[in-house]
Amino acid sequence: KEYEKNLEKEKRKLIGESLKYSIYPVLDDNGNIYKIKFISKFGNEPNRELNDGISTFLWASNEYFIFSKKGSGIYFYNLNNGKVQRIIEGSSIKEFNLKKYENGILEYDDEKCQLQF
């Protein structure tokens, strides 16, 4: 919860939120996220943990979490089943900086793509 509270208001708005999960990113010494813990807010869902180097992230819904890895791609994490799926495969020159997800459209870097879950 501290991580979310310390984010700027605009950043919190961009990331969105889940009504089912709270997130707890774990940072390395350089301030990069190397793990995120997802804790069920009401105990109805399983707690989950995503162990991956994460550049940017945002919520697509209460159960779908989208994250990027610089130079690698964009992925979504299904909190219902704990599975990660690649959305966009990357190249080493791409940042994959997630900017916005709205009405099924994901904006990143200077590009857009439509997602269906």
N, C-alpha and C. Protein backbone atom coordinates (compact mmCIF):
# COMPACT_ATOMS: atom_id res chain seq x y z
N LYS A 1 0.82 -1.20 0.00
CA LYS A 1 0.00 0.00 0.00
C LYS A 1 0.86 1.26 0.00
N GLU A 2 1.99 1.21 0.67
CA GLU A 2 2.88 2.38 0.71
C GLU A 2 3.34 2.76 -0.69
N TYR A 3 3.64 1.76 -1.51
CA TYR A 3 4.11 2.03 -2.88
C TYR A 3 3.05 2.84 -3.63
N GLU A 4 1.80 2.40 -3.56
CA GLU A 4 0.72 3.10 -4.26
C GLU A 4 0.52 4.51 -3.71
N LYS A 5 0.61 4.66 -2.40
CA LYS A 5 0.41 5.98 -1.79
C LYS A 5 1.48 6.97 -2.22
N ASN A 6 2.71 6.48 -2.43
CA ASN A 6 3.81 7.36 -2.77
C ASN A 6 3.84 7.76 -4.25
N LEU A 7 3.03 7.13 -5.06
CA LEU A 7 3.00 7.50 -6.48
C LEU A 7 2.26 8.82 -6.66
N GLU A 8 2.66 9.55 -7.67
CA GLU A 8 1.96 10.79 -7.99
C GLU A 8 0.54 10.46 -8.42
N LYS A 9 -0.36 11.40 -8.22
CA LYS A 9 -1.78 11.20 -8.53
C LYS A 9 -1.98 10.78 -9.98
N GLU A 10 -1.28 11.42 -10.91
CA GLU A 10 -1.42 11.09 -12.33
C GLU A 10 -0.95 9.67 -12.61
N LYS A 11 0.12 9.26 -11.98
CA LYS A 11 0.65 7.91 -12.17
C LYS A 11 -0.33 6.88 -11.62
N ARG A 12 -0.93 7.15 -10.48
CA ARG A 12 -1.93 6.24 -9.91
C ARG A 12 -3.12 6.11 -10.85
N LYS A 13 -3.52 7.22 -11.45
CA LYS A 13 -4.64 7.21 -12.38
C LYS A 13 -4.31 6.37 -13.61
N LEU A 14 -3.09 6.50 -14.10
CA LEU A 14 -2.64 5.74 -15.27
C LEU A 14 -2.62 4.24 -14.96
N ILE A 15 -2.09 3.86 -13.82
CA ILE A 15 -1.96 2.46 -13.45
C ILE A 15 -3.32 1.83 -13.20
N GLY A 16 -4.24 2.61 -12.67
CA GLY A 16 -5.55 2.07 -12.33
C GLY A 16 -5.46 1.26 -11.05
N GLU A 17 -6.49 0.47 -10.79
CA GLU A 17 -6.49 -0.35 -9.60
C GLU A 17 -7.38 -1.56 -9.79
N SER A 18 -7.19 -2.52 -8.95
CA SER A 18 -8.03 -3.70 -8.91
C SER A 18 -8.89 -3.60 -7.67
N LEU A 19 -10.13 -3.97 -7.78
CA LEU A 19 -10.99 -3.99 -6.61
C LEU A 19 -10.76 -5.25 -5.79
N LYS A 20 -10.02 -6.21 -6.37
CA LYS A 20 -9.79 -7.49 -5.70
C LYS A 20 -8.40 -7.63 -5.09
N TYR A 21 -7.40 -6.91 -5.64
CA TYR A 21 -6.03 -7.11 -5.20
C TYR A 21 -5.34 -5.79 -4.85
N SER A 22 -4.48 -5.86 -3.85
CA SER A 22 -3.52 -4.79 -3.57
C SER A 22 -2.18 -5.28 -4.10
N ILE A 23 -1.36 -4.34 -4.58
CA ILE A 23 -0.05 -4.73 -5.10
C ILE A 23 1.06 -4.23 -4.19
N TYR A 24 2.10 -5.04 -4.11
CA TYR A 24 3.27 -4.72 -3.30
C TYR A 24 4.53 -5.00 -4.13
N PRO A 25 5.00 -4.01 -4.90
CA PRO A 25 6.23 -4.21 -5.67
C PRO A 25 7.44 -4.30 -4.75
N VAL A 26 8.39 -5.15 -5.13
CA VAL A 26 9.66 -5.28 -4.42
C VAL A 26 10.73 -4.71 -5.32
N LEU A 27 11.48 -3.74 -4.81
CA LEU A 27 12.47 -3.03 -5.60
C LEU A 27 13.88 -3.48 -5.28
N ASP A 28 14.75 -3.42 -6.30
CA ASP A 28 16.16 -3.71 -6.06
C ASP A 28 16.86 -2.42 -5.61
N ASP A 29 18.16 -2.47 -5.46
CA ASP A 29 18.91 -1.32 -4.97
C ASP A 29 18.86 -0.11 -5.91
N ASN A 30 18.56 -0.35 -7.19
CA ASN A 30 18.48 0.74 -8.17
C ASN A 30 17.06 1.27 -8.34
N GLY A 31 16.12 0.75 -7.56
CA GLY A 31 14.73 1.20 -7.64
C GLY A 31 13.93 0.52 -8.73
N ASN A 32 14.47 -0.55 -9.31
CA ASN A 32 13.75 -1.30 -10.34
C ASN A 32 12.91 -2.40 -9.69
N ILE A 33 11.75 -2.65 -10.27
CA ILE A 33 10.86 -3.68 -9.74
C ILE A 33 11.34 -5.04 -10.23
N TYR A 34 11.59 -5.94 -9.30
CA TYR A 34 11.96 -7.30 -9.70
C TYR A 34 10.93 -8.32 -9.26
N LYS A 35 9.92 -7.90 -8.51
CA LYS A 35 8.87 -8.80 -8.06
C LYS A 35 7.68 -7.97 -7.62
N ILE A 36 6.48 -8.49 -7.86
CA ILE A 36 5.27 -7.84 -7.34
C ILE A 36 4.43 -8.90 -6.63
N LYS A 37 3.99 -8.57 -5.44
CA LYS A 37 3.09 -9.44 -4.69
C LYS A 37 1.68 -8.90 -4.86
N PHE A 38 0.75 -9.79 -5.11
CA PHE A 38 -0.67 -9.45 -5.26
C PHE A 38 -1.40 -10.10 -4.09
N ILE A 39 -1.94 -9.26 -3.22
CA ILE A 39 -2.61 -9.75 -2.02
C ILE A 39 -4.11 -9.49 -2.16
N SER A 40 -4.87 -10.55 -1.98
CA SER A 40 -6.33 -10.45 -2.06
C SER A 40 -6.83 -9.47 -1.00
N LYS A 41 -7.65 -8.52 -1.43
CA LYS A 41 -8.15 -7.51 -0.49
C LYS A 41 -9.15 -8.09 0.51
N PHE A 42 -9.90 -9.11 0.09
CA PHE A 42 -10.95 -9.65 0.95
C PHE A 42 -10.75 -11.13 1.29
N GLY A 43 -9.64 -11.70 0.82
CA GLY A 43 -9.36 -13.10 1.10
C GLY A 43 -10.13 -14.08 0.23
N ASN A 44 -10.84 -13.60 -0.77
CA ASN A 44 -11.64 -14.47 -1.64
C ASN A 44 -10.82 -15.05 -2.80
N GLU A 45 -9.72 -14.42 -3.14
CA GLU A 45 -8.88 -14.85 -4.25
C GLU A 45 -7.53 -15.31 -3.69
N PRO A 46 -6.84 -16.15 -4.45
CA PRO A 46 -5.51 -16.56 -3.98
C PRO A 46 -4.51 -15.42 -4.09
N ASN A 47 -3.64 -15.31 -3.09
CA ASN A 47 -2.54 -14.35 -3.19
C ASN A 47 -1.58 -14.88 -4.24
N ARG A 48 -0.98 -13.96 -5.00
CA ARG A 48 -0.08 -14.36 -6.09
C ARG A 48 1.19 -13.54 -6.02
N GLU A 49 2.20 -14.02 -6.76
CA GLU A 49 3.46 -13.31 -6.82
C GLU A 49 4.01 -13.43 -8.24
N LEU A 50 4.43 -12.31 -8.78
CA LEU A 50 5.00 -12.27 -10.13
C LEU A 50 6.48 -11.95 -9.98
N ASN A 51 7.33 -12.92 -10.31
CA ASN A 51 8.78 -12.75 -10.19
C ASN A 51 9.35 -12.46 -11.57
N ASP A 52 9.46 -11.20 -11.89
CA ASP A 52 9.97 -10.82 -13.20
C ASP A 52 10.42 -9.37 -13.14
N GLY A 53 11.44 -9.03 -13.92
CA GLY A 53 11.87 -7.64 -14.01
C GLY A 53 10.82 -6.84 -14.75
N ILE A 54 10.26 -5.86 -14.11
CA ILE A 54 9.12 -5.12 -14.67
C ILE A 54 9.51 -3.66 -14.86
N SER A 55 9.28 -3.16 -16.08
CA SER A 55 9.58 -1.75 -16.38
C SER A 55 8.39 -0.86 -16.04
N THR A 56 7.23 -1.16 -16.64
CA THR A 56 6.01 -0.40 -16.37
C THR A 56 4.86 -1.39 -16.25
N PHE A 57 3.77 -0.94 -15.61
CA PHE A 57 2.62 -1.82 -15.44
C PHE A 57 1.35 -1.01 -15.29
N LEU A 58 0.22 -1.68 -15.50
CA LEU A 58 -1.09 -1.09 -15.25
C LEU A 58 -2.13 -2.20 -15.19
N TRP A 59 -3.27 -1.87 -14.62
CA TRP A 59 -4.38 -2.81 -14.52
C TRP A 59 -5.27 -2.68 -15.75
N ALA A 60 -5.65 -3.82 -16.34
CA ALA A 60 -6.63 -3.83 -17.43
C ALA A 60 -8.01 -4.10 -16.85
N SER A 61 -8.06 -4.83 -15.76
CA SER A 61 -9.32 -5.14 -15.06
C SER A 61 -8.96 -5.58 -13.65
N ASN A 62 -9.95 -6.07 -12.92
CA ASN A 62 -9.69 -6.53 -11.56
C ASN A 62 -8.77 -7.75 -11.52
N GLU A 63 -8.76 -8.53 -12.61
CA GLU A 63 -7.99 -9.77 -12.66
C GLU A 63 -6.83 -9.75 -13.65
N TYR A 64 -6.79 -8.79 -14.56
CA TYR A 64 -5.75 -8.76 -15.59
C TYR A 64 -4.80 -7.60 -15.37
N PHE A 65 -3.54 -7.96 -15.25
CA PHE A 65 -2.47 -7.01 -14.96
C PHE A 65 -1.52 -7.02 -16.17
N ILE A 66 -1.28 -5.87 -16.75
CA ILE A 66 -0.40 -5.75 -17.92
C ILE A 66 0.93 -5.17 -17.46
N PHE A 67 2.02 -5.77 -17.94
CA PHE A 67 3.33 -5.24 -17.58
C PHE A 67 4.28 -5.33 -18.77
N SER A 68 5.30 -4.48 -18.73
CA SER A 68 6.29 -4.48 -19.81
C SER A 68 7.67 -4.76 -19.24
N LYS A 69 8.52 -5.27 -20.12
CA LYS A 69 9.92 -5.50 -19.81
C LYS A 69 10.71 -4.84 -20.92
N LYS A 70 11.49 -3.84 -20.56
CA LYS A 70 12.27 -3.09 -21.54
C LYS A 70 13.08 -4.04 -22.43
N GLY A 71 12.93 -3.85 -23.75
CA GLY A 71 13.67 -4.65 -24.71
C GLY A 71 13.15 -6.06 -24.89
N SER A 72 12.09 -6.43 -24.18
CA SER A 72 11.59 -7.81 -24.24
C SER A 72 10.16 -7.89 -24.76
N GLY A 73 9.28 -7.02 -24.27
CA GLY A 73 7.91 -7.06 -24.74
C GLY A 73 6.90 -6.63 -23.69
N ILE A 74 5.64 -6.90 -24.03
CA ILE A 74 4.51 -6.58 -23.16
C ILE A 74 3.77 -7.88 -22.87
N TYR A 75 3.35 -8.03 -21.61
CA TYR A 75 2.74 -9.27 -21.14
C TYR A 75 1.49 -8.96 -20.32
N PHE A 76 0.62 -9.97 -20.20
CA PHE A 76 -0.44 -9.80 -19.22
C PHE A 76 -0.42 -10.99 -18.27
N TYR A 77 -0.78 -10.68 -17.05
CA TYR A 77 -0.79 -11.66 -15.97
C TYR A 77 -2.23 -11.87 -15.57
N ASN A 78 -2.69 -13.11 -15.71
CA ASN A 78 -4.05 -13.47 -15.35
C ASN A 78 -4.04 -13.92 -13.90
N LEU A 79 -4.60 -13.11 -13.03
CA LEU A 79 -4.57 -13.43 -11.61
C LEU A 79 -5.55 -14.53 -11.24
N ASN A 80 -6.49 -14.86 -12.14
CA ASN A 80 -7.40 -15.97 -11.87
C ASN A 80 -6.65 -17.30 -11.88
N ASN A 81 -5.74 -17.47 -12.86
CA ASN A 81 -5.05 -18.75 -12.98
C ASN A 81 -3.53 -18.64 -12.76
N GLY A 82 -3.01 -17.45 -12.56
CA GLY A 82 -1.59 -17.26 -12.29
C GLY A 82 -0.70 -17.40 -13.51
N LYS A 83 -1.27 -17.33 -14.72
CA LYS A 83 -0.48 -17.50 -15.94
C LYS A 83 -0.11 -16.17 -16.58
N VAL A 84 1.11 -16.14 -17.14
CA VAL A 84 1.61 -14.98 -17.87
C VAL A 84 1.56 -15.30 -19.36
N GLN A 85 1.10 -14.34 -20.14
CA GLN A 85 1.06 -14.51 -21.60
C GLN A 85 1.66 -13.28 -22.27
N ARG A 86 2.47 -13.51 -23.28
CA ARG A 86 3.05 -12.39 -24.01
C ARG A 86 2.01 -11.79 -24.95
N ILE A 87 1.90 -10.46 -24.93
CA ILE A 87 1.00 -9.75 -25.83
C ILE A 87 1.77 -9.30 -27.06
N ILE A 88 2.93 -8.70 -26.82
CA ILE A 88 3.78 -8.17 -27.90
C ILE A 88 5.21 -8.60 -27.66
N GLU A 89 5.80 -9.21 -28.67
CA GLU A 89 7.20 -9.61 -28.56
C GLU A 89 8.08 -8.42 -28.88
N GLY A 90 9.16 -8.30 -28.17
CA GLY A 90 9.97 -7.10 -28.27
C GLY A 90 11.29 -7.25 -28.99
N SER A 91 11.90 -6.11 -29.11
CA SER A 91 13.27 -6.05 -29.62
C SER A 91 14.07 -5.21 -28.65
N SER A 92 15.37 -5.37 -28.70
CA SER A 92 16.22 -4.71 -27.71
C SER A 92 16.19 -3.19 -27.79
N ILE A 93 15.70 -2.63 -28.90
CA ILE A 93 15.67 -1.17 -29.03
C ILE A 93 14.38 -0.55 -28.51
N LYS A 94 13.38 -1.36 -28.19
CA LYS A 94 12.09 -0.84 -27.74
C LYS A 94 12.07 -0.65 -26.22
N GLU A 95 11.44 0.43 -25.80
CA GLU A 95 11.27 0.71 -24.37
C GLU A 95 10.07 -0.05 -23.80
N PHE A 96 8.97 -0.10 -24.55
CA PHE A 96 7.71 -0.68 -24.09
C PHE A 96 7.21 0.03 -22.84
N ASN A 97 7.15 1.35 -22.93
CA ASN A 97 6.67 2.18 -21.83
C ASN A 97 5.15 2.26 -21.92
N LEU A 98 4.46 1.56 -21.02
CA LEU A 98 2.99 1.56 -21.03
C LEU A 98 2.48 2.94 -20.64
N LYS A 99 1.52 3.44 -21.43
CA LYS A 99 1.00 4.78 -21.18
C LYS A 99 -0.45 4.78 -20.72
N LYS A 100 -1.26 3.87 -21.30
CA LYS A 100 -2.69 3.94 -20.99
C LYS A 100 -3.38 2.68 -21.50
N TYR A 101 -4.43 2.27 -20.77
CA TYR A 101 -5.30 1.20 -21.24
C TYR A 101 -6.73 1.67 -21.03
N GLU A 102 -7.47 1.73 -22.11
CA GLU A 102 -8.85 2.22 -22.01
C GLU A 102 -9.67 1.64 -23.15
N ASN A 103 -10.84 1.12 -22.81
CA ASN A 103 -11.77 0.56 -23.79
C ASN A 103 -11.11 -0.45 -24.72
N GLY A 104 -10.25 -1.29 -24.16
CA GLY A 104 -9.61 -2.34 -24.93
C GLY A 104 -8.41 -1.90 -25.76
N ILE A 105 -8.03 -0.64 -25.66
CA ILE A 105 -6.88 -0.13 -26.41
C ILE A 105 -5.72 0.13 -25.46
N LEU A 106 -4.59 -0.50 -25.75
CA LEU A 106 -3.38 -0.30 -24.97
C LEU A 106 -2.46 0.65 -25.73
N GLU A 107 -2.04 1.70 -25.04
CA GLU A 107 -1.09 2.65 -25.63
C GLU A 107 0.26 2.47 -24.95
N TYR A 108 1.30 2.38 -25.78
CA TYR A 108 2.66 2.25 -25.27
C TYR A 108 3.60 2.92 -26.25
N ASP A 109 4.71 3.44 -25.76
CA ASP A 109 5.65 4.18 -26.58
C ASP A 109 4.84 5.12 -27.49
N ASP A 110 4.97 5.03 -28.79
CA ASP A 110 4.16 5.83 -29.71
C ASP A 110 3.22 4.95 -30.51
N GLU A 111 2.77 3.86 -29.91
CA GLU A 111 1.94 2.89 -30.62
C GLU A 111 0.69 2.55 -29.82
N LYS A 112 -0.25 1.90 -30.53
CA LYS A 112 -1.48 1.43 -29.91
C LYS A 112 -1.78 0.02 -30.40
N CYS A 113 -2.43 -0.76 -29.56
CA CYS A 113 -2.91 -2.06 -30.01
C CYS A 113 -4.20 -2.38 -29.27
N GLN A 114 -5.04 -3.18 -29.91
CA GLN A 114 -6.30 -3.55 -29.31
C GLN A 114 -6.13 -4.90 -28.61
N LEU A 115 -6.66 -5.00 -27.41
CA LEU A 115 -6.57 -6.23 -26.62
C LEU A 115 -7.95 -6.76 -26.32
N GLN A 116 -8.06 -8.07 -26.32
CA GLN A 116 -9.30 -8.73 -25.89
C GLN A 116 -8.91 -9.82 -24.90
N PHE A 117 -9.58 -9.81 -23.77
CA PHE A 117 -9.30 -10.84 -22.75
C PHE A 117 -10.48 -11.77 -22.64
